[in-house]
């Protein structure tokens, strides 16, 4: 029996110029493989699971700016890997939009709604990670790990929209996050957009570590 660590690492990215930013997951496909898989591998004898997850992402994917990493669930179906009984400890990782993220040649970012063929139960792992992220956006400040250091509210609204899968009103989002002391005004302004107008005010997250902001809150899609 072997124990592996697999990480579903998300970043909000612009896949092409014609599309809005979308939630993407990092996948790898060695030359000999036909299906894509989540990055990971075996744990080292002297490492914790989370240490192994970070090491494997850094060494194999060159992803070193993981702003948040948390354990998801353990996948232990006896037949999840046909050859050897393999137990997977899975993780959710988040990378900010302004972090460098150019994976090696056998890896690529894929939109979660445009996934290629995946090996074993990796689609279920991605679904679990996506569900966890969407839930925590409601009652924690977890979006700090997806956003750049400073941002206009329109950009943060796009991040929430991409992660949740539905439109989020910018004014309402500002009201909610300000009331919960999640974001603060920086007193600076950003660049004017293509349409012109006043330069947008820039905001930042008050904390760079996960905290519960309203344990009973729920962000719901518009009716």
Protein backbone atom coordinates (compact mmCIF):
# COMPACT_ATOMS: atom_id res chain seq x y z
CA UNK A 1 0.00 0.00 0.00
CA UNK A 2 1.21 3.51 -0.78
CA UNK A 3 0.14 6.95 0.39
CA UNK A 4 0.17 9.86 -2.03
CA UNK A 5 -0.50 13.56 -1.75
CA UNK A 6 -2.56 15.27 -4.50
CA UNK A 7 -3.23 19.01 -4.70
CA UNK A 8 -6.03 20.82 -6.52
CA UNK A 9 -4.38 24.21 -7.03
CA UNK A 10 -6.66 27.01 -8.26
CA UNK A 11 -5.88 30.38 -9.80
CA UNK A 12 -8.18 32.91 -11.47
CA UNK A 13 -6.81 33.35 -14.99
CA UNK A 14 -7.71 34.84 -18.36
CA UNK A 15 -7.68 31.85 -20.69
CA UNK A 16 -8.14 34.01 -23.77
CA UNK A 17 -8.76 37.66 -24.56
CA UNK A 18 -12.41 37.08 -25.47
CA UNK A 19 -13.37 35.39 -22.18
CA UNK A 20 -13.83 36.66 -18.66
CA UNK A 21 -11.35 35.45 -16.04
CA UNK A 22 -12.14 31.91 -14.93
CA UNK A 23 -11.26 29.51 -12.17
CA UNK A 24 -8.43 27.28 -13.40
CA UNK A 25 -6.78 24.20 -11.96
CA UNK A 26 -3.20 23.07 -12.49
CA UNK A 27 -2.87 19.67 -14.20
CA UNK A 28 0.03 17.60 -15.43
CA UNK A 29 0.42 14.95 -18.13
CA UNK A 30 3.72 13.09 -18.53
CA UNK A 31 4.72 12.10 -22.05
CA UNK A 32 3.67 8.49 -21.53
CA UNK A 33 0.19 9.35 -20.20
CA UNK A 34 -3.02 9.82 -22.15
CA UNK A 35 -5.02 11.47 -19.34
CA UNK A 36 -4.24 14.51 -17.19
CA UNK A 37 -3.76 14.32 -13.44
CA UNK A 38 -3.41 16.53 -10.38
CA UNK A 39 0.14 17.31 -9.26
CA UNK A 40 1.44 15.25 -6.36
CA UNK A 41 3.38 12.17 -5.44
CA UNK A 42 4.56 10.04 -2.55
CA UNK A 43 5.24 11.55 0.86
CA UNK A 44 8.75 11.54 2.26
CA UNK A 45 9.55 9.60 5.43
CA UNK A 46 10.48 12.75 7.37
CA UNK A 47 7.66 15.02 6.16
CA UNK A 48 4.13 15.86 7.20
CA UNK A 49 1.45 15.60 4.54
CA UNK A 50 1.20 19.37 4.07
CA UNK A 51 4.99 19.72 3.84
CA UNK A 52 5.05 17.05 1.16
CA UNK A 53 2.26 18.82 -0.74
CA UNK A 54 4.16 22.12 -0.80
CA UNK A 55 7.46 20.44 -1.71
CA UNK A 56 5.93 18.50 -4.58
CA UNK A 57 4.29 21.64 -5.99
CA UNK A 58 7.56 23.56 -5.78
CA UNK A 59 9.81 20.81 -7.16
CA UNK A 60 7.60 19.36 -9.88
CA UNK A 61 5.36 22.28 -10.85
CA UNK A 62 7.54 25.26 -9.87
CA UNK A 63 4.57 26.66 -7.94
CA UNK A 64 6.00 28.39 -4.88
CA UNK A 65 3.48 31.18 -4.24
CA UNK A 66 0.67 29.13 -2.74
CA UNK A 67 -1.08 31.67 -0.52
CA UNK A 68 -3.36 29.10 1.12
CA UNK A 69 -3.17 25.32 1.45
CA UNK A 70 -5.62 23.18 3.38
CA UNK A 71 -6.39 19.49 3.55
CA UNK A 72 -9.56 18.37 1.79
CA UNK A 73 -10.46 14.72 2.34
CA UNK A 74 -8.80 11.33 2.15
CA UNK A 75 -9.71 9.22 -0.89
CA UNK A 76 -9.32 5.59 0.12
CA UNK A 77 -11.48 3.48 -2.18
CA UNK A 78 -9.56 0.17 -2.51
CA UNK A 79 -9.91 0.27 -6.31
CA UNK A 80 -9.26 3.97 -6.95
CA UNK A 81 -5.90 3.03 -8.50
CA UNK A 82 -6.10 -0.35 -10.31
CA UNK A 83 -2.51 -1.53 -9.81
CA UNK A 84 -1.54 -0.81 -6.18
CA UNK A 85 -3.73 0.00 -3.19
CA UNK A 86 -3.21 3.78 -2.97
CA UNK A 87 -4.61 6.17 -0.39
CA UNK A 88 -4.68 9.84 -1.40
CA UNK A 89 -4.55 12.74 1.02
CA UNK A 90 -5.88 15.66 -1.01
CA UNK A 91 -5.33 19.40 -0.65
CA UNK A 92 -6.87 22.64 -1.85
CA UNK A 93 -4.27 25.24 -2.85
CA UNK A 94 -4.87 28.84 -3.94
CA UNK A 95 -2.54 31.09 -5.93
CA UNK A 96 -3.08 34.88 -6.27
CA UNK A 97 -3.72 36.35 -9.69
CA UNK A 98 -0.49 38.37 -9.58
CA UNK A 99 1.75 35.41 -8.67
CA UNK A 100 4.05 34.03 -11.38
CA UNK A 101 2.65 30.69 -12.52
CA UNK A 102 4.31 29.30 -15.61
CA UNK A 103 4.23 25.51 -15.17
CA UNK A 104 6.74 23.14 -16.80
CA UNK A 105 6.15 21.70 -20.25
CA UNK A 106 4.19 18.67 -19.06
CA UNK A 107 1.73 20.81 -17.08
CA UNK A 108 -0.90 23.44 -17.85
CA UNK A 109 -3.74 25.44 -16.33
CA UNK A 110 -7.25 24.32 -17.34
CA UNK A 111 -10.58 26.00 -16.73
CA UNK A 112 -12.61 23.94 -14.25
CA UNK A 113 -15.54 24.02 -16.67
CA UNK A 114 -13.31 22.85 -19.55
CA UNK A 115 -11.51 19.90 -18.00
CA UNK A 116 -9.75 17.37 -20.24
CA UNK A 117 -9.82 13.62 -19.64
CA UNK A 118 -8.61 12.98 -16.10
CA UNK A 119 -7.04 9.92 -14.56
CA UNK A 120 -8.62 7.81 -11.80
CA UNK A 121 -10.78 9.87 -9.38
CA UNK A 122 -9.10 13.24 -9.98
CA UNK A 123 -12.30 14.81 -11.33
CA UNK A 124 -13.98 14.05 -7.99
CA UNK A 125 -11.07 15.63 -6.13
CA UNK A 126 -11.36 18.81 -8.20
CA UNK A 127 -15.12 18.90 -7.58
CA UNK A 128 -14.55 18.57 -3.83
CA UNK A 129 -11.97 21.36 -3.88
CA UNK A 130 -14.23 23.63 -5.90
CA UNK A 131 -17.13 23.01 -3.51
CA UNK A 132 -14.91 23.76 -0.49
CA UNK A 133 -13.71 27.02 -2.02
CA UNK A 134 -17.22 28.19 -2.92
CA UNK A 135 -18.47 27.43 0.58
CA UNK A 136 -15.62 29.23 2.31
CA UNK A 137 -16.04 32.34 0.17
CA UNK A 138 -19.32 32.85 2.02
CA UNK A 139 -18.12 32.82 5.61
CA UNK A 140 -14.36 33.43 5.54
CA UNK A 141 -11.85 35.82 3.99
CA UNK A 142 -10.35 33.06 1.79
CA UNK A 143 -10.46 35.27 -1.31
CA UNK A 144 -7.28 36.94 -0.02
CA UNK A 145 -5.42 33.93 -1.44
CA UNK A 146 -6.83 34.50 -4.94
CA UNK A 147 -6.59 38.29 -5.17
CA UNK A 148 -3.56 40.50 -5.87
CA UNK A 149 -2.11 42.64 -3.09
CA UNK A 150 -4.19 45.66 -4.18
CA UNK A 151 -7.26 45.66 -6.38
CA UNK A 152 -10.26 47.70 -7.51
CA UNK A 153 -13.58 46.24 -6.38
CA UNK A 154 -14.50 45.41 -9.97
CA UNK A 155 -11.53 43.01 -10.11
CA UNK A 156 -12.41 41.40 -6.78
CA UNK A 157 -15.97 40.97 -8.00
CA UNK A 158 -14.64 39.12 -11.07
CA UNK A 159 -12.64 36.83 -8.78
CA UNK A 160 -15.73 35.97 -6.72
CA UNK A 161 -17.75 35.48 -9.90
CA UNK A 162 -15.18 33.09 -11.38
CA UNK A 163 -14.83 31.09 -8.17
CA UNK A 164 -18.56 30.88 -7.42
CA UNK A 165 -19.77 30.40 -10.98
CA UNK A 166 -22.35 33.18 -10.98
CA UNK A 167 -22.47 36.98 -11.14
CA UNK A 168 -21.66 38.94 -7.99
CA UNK A 169 -22.80 42.56 -7.61
CA UNK A 170 -19.76 44.76 -6.97
CA UNK A 171 -21.55 47.30 -4.76
CA UNK A 172 -23.14 44.61 -2.62
CA UNK A 173 -19.84 42.76 -2.29
CA UNK A 174 -18.10 45.94 -1.11
CA UNK A 175 -20.81 46.53 1.47
CA UNK A 176 -20.63 42.97 2.84
CA UNK A 177 -16.85 42.73 2.99
CA UNK A 178 -16.47 46.21 4.50
CA UNK A 179 -19.04 45.43 7.17
CA UNK A 180 -17.14 42.27 8.10
CA UNK A 181 -13.80 44.18 8.12
CA UNK A 182 -12.46 41.82 5.46
CA UNK A 183 -11.12 44.54 3.14
CA UNK A 184 -9.77 48.02 3.74
CA UNK A 185 -9.34 51.05 1.50
CA UNK A 186 -5.68 51.72 0.68
CA UNK A 187 -6.13 55.41 -0.06
CA UNK A 188 -4.69 54.91 -3.53
CA UNK A 189 -6.23 54.63 -6.97
CA UNK A 190 -5.60 52.38 -9.94
CA UNK A 191 -5.38 52.95 -13.64
CA UNK A 192 -8.34 54.25 -15.58
CA UNK A 193 -10.02 51.57 -17.69
CA UNK A 194 -10.46 51.60 -21.46
CA UNK A 195 -13.83 53.31 -21.11
CA UNK A 196 -12.23 56.23 -19.28
CA UNK A 197 -13.75 57.84 -16.20
CA UNK A 198 -12.33 58.30 -12.74
CA UNK A 199 -9.47 56.06 -11.61
CA UNK A 200 -10.85 53.31 -9.36
CA UNK A 201 -10.15 53.24 -5.63
CA UNK A 202 -7.88 50.37 -4.59
CA UNK A 203 -8.53 48.01 -1.70
CA UNK A 204 -6.58 45.32 0.13
CA UNK A 205 -7.46 42.42 2.41
CA UNK A 206 -7.10 43.20 6.10
CA UNK A 207 -5.55 39.78 6.79
CA UNK A 208 -3.39 37.38 4.82
CA UNK A 209 -4.39 34.35 6.87
CA UNK A 210 -7.67 32.48 6.87
CA UNK A 211 -10.27 33.59 9.40
CA UNK A 212 -13.99 33.08 9.82
CA UNK A 213 -15.82 36.36 9.25
CA UNK A 214 -19.46 35.26 9.60
CA UNK A 215 -20.07 31.59 10.34
CA UNK A 216 -23.75 31.83 9.37
CA UNK A 217 -23.29 33.76 6.13
CA UNK A 218 -24.11 32.43 2.68
CA UNK A 219 -23.46 34.02 -0.69
CA UNK A 220 -26.29 32.89 -2.93
CA UNK A 221 -26.66 33.18 -6.70
CA UNK A 222 -29.15 35.79 -7.93
CA UNK A 223 -32.73 34.63 -8.36
